């Protein structure tokens, strides 16, 4: 209701409350912004999001592996430079900084996702398909193993190809070293 967009959950939904507060859902669709057509902004065959309940009471956030299968994200910008996600980005009052060190993410598991970008201002189209992304657990300050596989097509410049990469990301956010 706050976004002015439709949210359709057209499949099985499974909610958990303890020890994980979470949701698993099939056939999830988030509608597009007004003026960007009938094509969904986001569709996913399956998604699972869970956070451990008890650590939240101590302002610690233990998130399970975020799993998404068959997602299609359609990003666009119109001739006036307005994107179809601008309405989702609202400024919030500074409520203090979020303690990244208090967050543990069990990992990311994205399978068979697609990302489409259409910029009407420059008539540019980029499409990423067959995207698989996997990470190990993410703990603040610790190295992160990452693998990414995807196909891509672009019209300006005309390109297409396959990307496969795997490695370990090390970082020091305080010193901006990656």
C-alpha atoms as a PDB file:
ATOM      1  CA  UNK A   1       0.000   0.000   0.000  1.00  0.00           C
ATOM      2  CA  UNK A   2       2.850   2.386   0.842  1.00  0.00           C
ATOM      3  CA  UNK A   3       4.573   1.746  -2.503  1.00  0.00           C
ATOM      4  CA  UNK A   4       1.454   2.068  -4.636  1.00  0.00           C
ATOM      5  CA  UNK A   5       2.477  -1.156  -6.354  1.00  0.00           C
ATOM      6  CA  UNK A   6       0.791  -4.501  -6.527  1.00  0.00           C
ATOM      7  CA  UNK A   7       2.325  -7.423  -4.645  1.00  0.00           C
ATOM      8  CA  UNK A   8       1.056 -10.833  -5.718  1.00  0.00           C
ATOM      9  CA  UNK A   9       1.888 -14.041  -3.863  1.00  0.00           C
ATOM     10  CA  UNK A  10       0.460 -16.645  -6.216  1.00  0.00           C
ATOM     11  CA  UNK A  11       1.845 -19.853  -4.793  1.00  0.00           C
ATOM     12  CA  UNK A  12       2.601 -21.712  -1.622  1.00  0.00           C
ATOM     13  CA  UNK A  13       3.655 -19.548   1.322  1.00  0.00           C
ATOM     14  CA  UNK A  14       5.364 -20.972   4.376  1.00  0.00           C
ATOM     15  CA  UNK A  15       6.015 -18.760   7.403  1.00  0.00           C
ATOM     16  CA  UNK A  16       8.144 -19.645  10.423  1.00  0.00           C
ATOM     17  CA  UNK A  17       8.272 -17.873  13.758  1.00  0.00           C
ATOM     18  CA  UNK A  18      10.735 -19.711  15.999  1.00  0.00           C
ATOM     19  CA  UNK A  19      13.692 -20.109  16.078  1.00  0.00           C
ATOM     20  CA  UNK A  20      13.729 -18.417  12.655  1.00  0.00           C
ATOM     21  CA  UNK A  21      11.371 -15.600  11.724  1.00  0.00           C
ATOM     22  CA  UNK A  22      10.984 -16.135   8.027  1.00  0.00           C
ATOM     23  CA  UNK A  23       9.056 -16.680   4.872  1.00  0.00           C
ATOM     24  CA  UNK A  24       9.310 -19.018   1.914  1.00  0.00           C
ATOM     25  CA  UNK A  25       7.136 -18.099  -1.030  1.00  0.00           C
ATOM     26  CA  UNK A  26       6.560 -19.220  -4.595  1.00  0.00           C
ATOM     27  CA  UNK A  27       5.485 -17.101  -7.571  1.00  0.00           C
ATOM     28  CA  UNK A  28       6.094 -13.659  -6.079  1.00  0.00           C
ATOM     29  CA  UNK A  29       5.433 -10.610  -8.262  1.00  0.00           C
ATOM     30  CA  UNK A  30       6.025  -6.938  -7.457  1.00  0.00           C
ATOM     31  CA  UNK A  31       4.350  -4.618  -9.956  1.00  0.00           C
ATOM     32  CA  UNK A  32       6.141  -1.927 -11.889  1.00  0.00           C
ATOM     33  CA  UNK A  33       6.033   1.804 -11.207  1.00  0.00           C
ATOM     34  CA  UNK A  34       3.339   3.881 -12.880  1.00  0.00           C
ATOM     35  CA  UNK A  35       4.272   4.787 -16.441  1.00  0.00           C
ATOM     36  CA  UNK A  36       6.569   1.784 -16.953  1.00  0.00           C
ATOM     37  CA  UNK A  37       4.111  -0.654 -18.480  1.00  0.00           C
ATOM     38  CA  UNK A  38       2.512  -3.878 -17.339  1.00  0.00           C
ATOM     39  CA  UNK A  39       5.738  -5.881 -17.095  1.00  0.00           C
ATOM     40  CA  UNK A  40       6.538  -6.787 -13.484  1.00  0.00           C
ATOM     41  CA  UNK A  41       9.345  -4.929 -11.717  1.00  0.00           C
ATOM     42  CA  UNK A  42      10.277  -8.167  -9.947  1.00  0.00           C
ATOM     43  CA  UNK A  43       9.178 -11.751 -10.284  1.00  0.00           C
ATOM     44  CA  UNK A  44      10.612 -14.788  -8.458  1.00  0.00           C
ATOM     45  CA  UNK A  45       9.701 -18.451  -8.767  1.00  0.00           C
ATOM     46  CA  UNK A  46      10.887 -18.960  -5.182  1.00  0.00           C
ATOM     47  CA  UNK A  47      12.367 -16.932  -2.367  1.00  0.00           C
ATOM     48  CA  UNK A  48      13.369 -17.671   1.196  1.00  0.00           C
ATOM     49  CA  UNK A  49      14.255 -15.037   3.798  1.00  0.00           C
ATOM     50  CA  UNK A  50      14.837 -15.910   7.458  1.00  0.00           C
ATOM     51  CA  UNK A  51      16.343 -14.166  10.470  1.00  0.00           C
ATOM     52  CA  UNK A  52      16.992 -15.772  13.836  1.00  0.00           C
ATOM     53  CA  UNK A  53      14.537 -14.397  16.372  1.00  0.00           C
ATOM     54  CA  UNK A  54      16.352 -14.469  19.732  1.00  0.00           C
ATOM     55  CA  UNK A  55      19.577 -12.642  18.699  1.00  0.00           C
ATOM     56  CA  UNK A  56      17.412  -9.753  17.436  1.00  0.00           C
ATOM     57  CA  UNK A  57      16.541  -8.965  21.047  1.00  0.00           C
ATOM     58  CA  UNK A  58      20.245  -8.144  21.559  1.00  0.00           C
ATOM     59  CA  UNK A  59      20.396  -6.128  18.304  1.00  0.00           C
ATOM     60  CA  UNK A  60      22.312  -8.925  16.596  1.00  0.00           C
ATOM     61  CA  UNK A  61      21.062  -9.980  13.193  1.00  0.00           C
ATOM     62  CA  UNK A  62      21.692 -13.560  12.125  1.00  0.00           C
ATOM     63  CA  UNK A  63      20.213 -13.957   8.655  1.00  0.00           C
ATOM     64  CA  UNK A  64      20.010 -17.393   7.080  1.00  0.00           C
ATOM     65  CA  UNK A  65      21.171 -17.959   3.498  1.00  0.00           C
ATOM     66  CA  UNK A  66      19.012 -15.778   1.257  1.00  0.00           C
ATOM     67  CA  UNK A  67      17.684 -18.048  -1.507  1.00  0.00           C
ATOM     68  CA  UNK A  68      16.102 -16.862  -4.747  1.00  0.00           C
ATOM     69  CA  UNK A  69      15.265 -18.972  -7.801  1.00  0.00           C
ATOM     70  CA  UNK A  70      13.999 -17.876 -11.180  1.00  0.00           C
ATOM     71  CA  UNK A  71      13.994 -14.155 -10.436  1.00  0.00           C
ATOM     72  CA  UNK A  72      13.436 -11.626 -13.206  1.00  0.00           C
ATOM     73  CA  UNK A  73      14.166  -7.987 -12.395  1.00  0.00           C
ATOM     74  CA  UNK A  74      13.179  -5.353 -14.949  1.00  0.00           C
ATOM     75  CA  UNK A  75      14.953  -2.035 -14.397  1.00  0.00           C
ATOM     76  CA  UNK A  76      14.173   0.929 -16.620  1.00  0.00           C
ATOM     77  CA  UNK A  77      14.708   4.650 -16.986  1.00  0.00           C
ATOM     78  CA  UNK A  78      12.366   6.802 -19.038  1.00  0.00           C
ATOM     79  CA  UNK A  79      13.242   9.625 -21.424  1.00  0.00           C
ATOM     80  CA  UNK A  80      13.136  12.136 -18.548  1.00  0.00           C
ATOM     81  CA  UNK A  81      15.713  10.196 -16.514  1.00  0.00           C
ATOM     82  CA  UNK A  82      13.220   8.807 -13.967  1.00  0.00           C
ATOM     83  CA  UNK A  83      13.860   5.178 -13.013  1.00  0.00           C
ATOM     84  CA  UNK A  84      11.256   2.574 -12.143  1.00  0.00           C
ATOM     85  CA  UNK A  85      12.705   2.239  -8.642  1.00  0.00           C
ATOM     86  CA  UNK A  86      12.843   5.948  -7.744  1.00  0.00           C
ATOM     87  CA  UNK A  87       9.488   5.654  -5.965  1.00  0.00           C
ATOM     88  CA  UNK A  88      10.879   2.894  -3.737  1.00  0.00           C
ATOM     89  CA  UNK A  89      13.813   5.024  -2.578  1.00  0.00           C
ATOM     90  CA  UNK A  90      12.646   7.376   0.130  1.00  0.00           C
ATOM     91  CA  UNK A  91      14.825   9.531   2.295  1.00  0.00           C
ATOM     92  CA  UNK A  92      14.771   8.566   5.943  1.00  0.00           C
ATOM     93  CA  UNK A  93      15.766  10.603   8.914  1.00  0.00           C
ATOM     94  CA  UNK A  94      19.117   9.602  10.348  1.00  0.00           C
ATOM     95  CA  UNK A  95      18.233   7.081  13.019  1.00  0.00           C
ATOM     96  CA  UNK A  96      21.843   6.281  13.848  1.00  0.00           C
ATOM     97  CA  UNK A  97      24.176   4.061  11.939  1.00  0.00           C
ATOM     98  CA  UNK A  98      23.344   0.435  11.346  1.00  0.00           C
ATOM     99  CA  UNK A  99      25.869  -1.825  13.108  1.00  0.00           C
ATOM    100  CA  UNK A 100      27.273  -3.951  10.256  1.00  0.00           C
ATOM    101  CA  UNK A 101      29.380  -5.872  12.732  1.00  0.00           C
ATOM    102  CA  UNK A 102      26.137  -7.121  14.313  1.00  0.00           C
ATOM    103  CA  UNK A 103      24.999  -8.744  11.041  1.00  0.00           C
ATOM    104  CA  UNK A 104      25.817 -12.285   9.997  1.00  0.00           C
ATOM    105  CA  UNK A 105      24.468 -13.386   6.627  1.00  0.00           C
ATOM    106  CA  UNK A 106      24.438 -17.136   6.114  1.00  0.00           C
ATOM    107  CA  UNK A 107      25.114 -16.645   2.423  1.00  0.00           C
ATOM    108  CA  UNK A 108      23.459 -15.869  -0.863  1.00  0.00           C
ATOM    109  CA  UNK A 109      22.097 -18.499  -3.254  1.00  0.00           C
ATOM    110  CA  UNK A 110      20.642 -17.027  -6.453  1.00  0.00           C
ATOM    111  CA  UNK A 111      19.753 -19.479  -9.224  1.00  0.00           C
ATOM    112  CA  UNK A 112      18.614 -18.860 -12.810  1.00  0.00           C
ATOM    113  CA  UNK A 113      17.982 -15.146 -12.356  1.00  0.00           C
ATOM    114  CA  UNK A 114      17.650 -12.479 -15.039  1.00  0.00           C
ATOM    115  CA  UNK A 115      18.279  -8.757 -14.898  1.00  0.00           C
ATOM    116  CA  UNK A 116      17.025  -6.477 -17.670  1.00  0.00           C
ATOM    117  CA  UNK A 117      17.975  -2.808 -18.015  1.00  0.00           C
ATOM    118  CA  UNK A 118      16.264  -0.545 -20.555  1.00  0.00           C
ATOM    119  CA  UNK A 119      17.330   3.098 -20.679  1.00  0.00           C
ATOM    120  CA  UNK A 120      14.905   4.953 -22.931  1.00  0.00           C
ATOM    121  CA  UNK A 121      16.938   8.171 -22.628  1.00  0.00           C
ATOM    122  CA  UNK A 122      19.914   6.575 -24.420  1.00  0.00           C
ATOM    123  CA  UNK A 123      18.069   3.658 -26.085  1.00  0.00           C
ATOM    124  CA  UNK A 124      20.383   1.260 -24.267  1.00  0.00           C
ATOM    125  CA  UNK A 125      19.402  -2.307 -23.417  1.00  0.00           C
ATOM    126  CA  UNK A 126      21.394  -4.723 -21.245  1.00  0.00           C
ATOM    127  CA  UNK A 127      20.213  -8.223 -20.405  1.00  0.00           C
ATOM    128  CA  UNK A 128      21.786 -10.659 -17.983  1.00  0.00           C
ATOM    129  CA  UNK A 129      20.371 -14.170 -17.911  1.00  0.00           C
ATOM    130  CA  UNK A 130      21.119 -17.573 -16.405  1.00  0.00           C
ATOM    131  CA  UNK A 131      22.644 -15.753 -13.450  1.00  0.00           C
ATOM    132  CA  UNK A 132      23.793 -17.919 -10.555  1.00  0.00           C
ATOM    133  CA  UNK A 133      25.407 -16.254  -7.533  1.00  0.00           C
ATOM    134  CA  UNK A 134      26.650 -18.111  -4.486  1.00  0.00           C
ATOM    135  CA  UNK A 135      28.500 -16.892  -1.410  1.00  0.00           C
ATOM    136  CA  UNK A 136      29.580 -18.420   1.842  1.00  0.00           C
ATOM    137  CA  UNK A 137      28.514 -16.841   5.109  1.00  0.00           C
ATOM    138  CA  UNK A 138      29.227 -13.123   5.330  1.00  0.00           C
ATOM    139  CA  UNK A 139      30.693 -12.000   8.624  1.00  0.00           C
ATOM    140  CA  UNK A 140      31.903  -8.446   8.993  1.00  0.00           C
ATOM    141  CA  UNK A 141      35.643  -8.178   8.413  1.00  0.00           C
ATOM    142  CA  UNK A 142      36.080 -11.789   7.222  1.00  0.00           C
ATOM    143  CA  UNK A 143      36.898 -12.859   3.637  1.00  0.00           C
ATOM    144  CA  UNK A 144      33.945 -13.828   1.455  1.00  0.00           C
ATOM    145  CA  UNK A 145      33.975 -16.642  -1.115  1.00  0.00           C
ATOM    146  CA  UNK A 146      31.951 -15.730  -4.192  1.00  0.00           C
ATOM    147  CA  UNK A 147      31.030 -17.414  -7.467  1.00  0.00           C
ATOM    148  CA  UNK A 148      29.083 -15.781 -10.294  1.00  0.00           C
ATOM    149  CA  UNK A 149      27.986 -17.273 -13.620  1.00  0.00           C
ATOM    150  CA  UNK A 150      25.895 -15.393 -16.178  1.00  0.00           C
ATOM    151  CA  UNK A 151      25.171 -14.736 -19.840  1.00  0.00           C
ATOM    152  CA  UNK A 152      24.897 -11.141 -21.075  1.00  0.00           C
ATOM    153  CA  UNK A 153      23.754  -9.160 -24.103  1.00  0.00           C
ATOM    154  CA  UNK A 154      24.066  -5.407 -24.726  1.00  0.00           C
ATOM    155  CA  UNK A 155      22.986  -3.271 -27.671  1.00  0.00           C
ATOM    156  CA  UNK A 156      25.299  -0.249 -27.189  1.00  0.00           C
ATOM    157  CA  UNK A 157      27.966  -1.326 -27.751  1.00  0.00           C
ATOM    158  CA  UNK A 158      26.793  -4.589 -29.320  1.00  0.00           C
ATOM    159  CA  UNK A 159      28.171  -7.279 -27.010  1.00  0.00           C
ATOM    160  CA  UNK A 160      27.266 -10.726 -25.812  1.00  0.00           C
ATOM    161  CA  UNK A 161      29.065 -13.344 -23.837  1.00  0.00           C
ATOM    162  CA  UNK A 162      29.346 -15.560 -20.820  1.00  0.00           C
ATOM    163  CA  UNK A 163      30.938 -14.606 -17.504  1.00  0.00           C
ATOM    164  CA  UNK A 164      32.175 -17.170 -14.994  1.00  0.00           C
ATOM    165  CA  UNK A 165      34.118 -15.984 -12.005  1.00  0.00           C
ATOM    166  CA  UNK A 166      35.026 -17.340  -8.636  1.00  0.00           C
ATOM    167  CA  UNK A 167      37.217 -15.992  -5.908  1.00  0.00           C
ATOM    168  CA  UNK A 168      37.550 -14.596  -2.455  1.00  0.00           C
ATOM    169  CA  UNK A 169      36.757 -10.997  -1.588  1.00  0.00           C
ATOM    170  CA  UNK A 170      38.753  -9.426   1.200  1.00  0.00           C
ATOM    171  CA  UNK A 171      37.996  -5.965   2.461  1.00  0.00           C
ATOM    172  CA  UNK A 172      38.646  -3.370   5.106  1.00  0.00           C
ATOM    173  CA  UNK A 173      35.640  -1.050   5.012  1.00  0.00           C
ATOM    174  CA  UNK A 174      37.088   1.382   7.558  1.00  0.00           C
ATOM    175  CA  UNK A 175      40.107   2.006   5.301  1.00  0.00           C
ATOM    176  CA  UNK A 176      38.154   1.567   2.040  1.00  0.00           C
ATOM    177  CA  UNK A 177      40.356  -1.287   0.867  1.00  0.00           C
ATOM    178  CA  UNK A 178      38.769  -4.024  -1.247  1.00  0.00           C
END
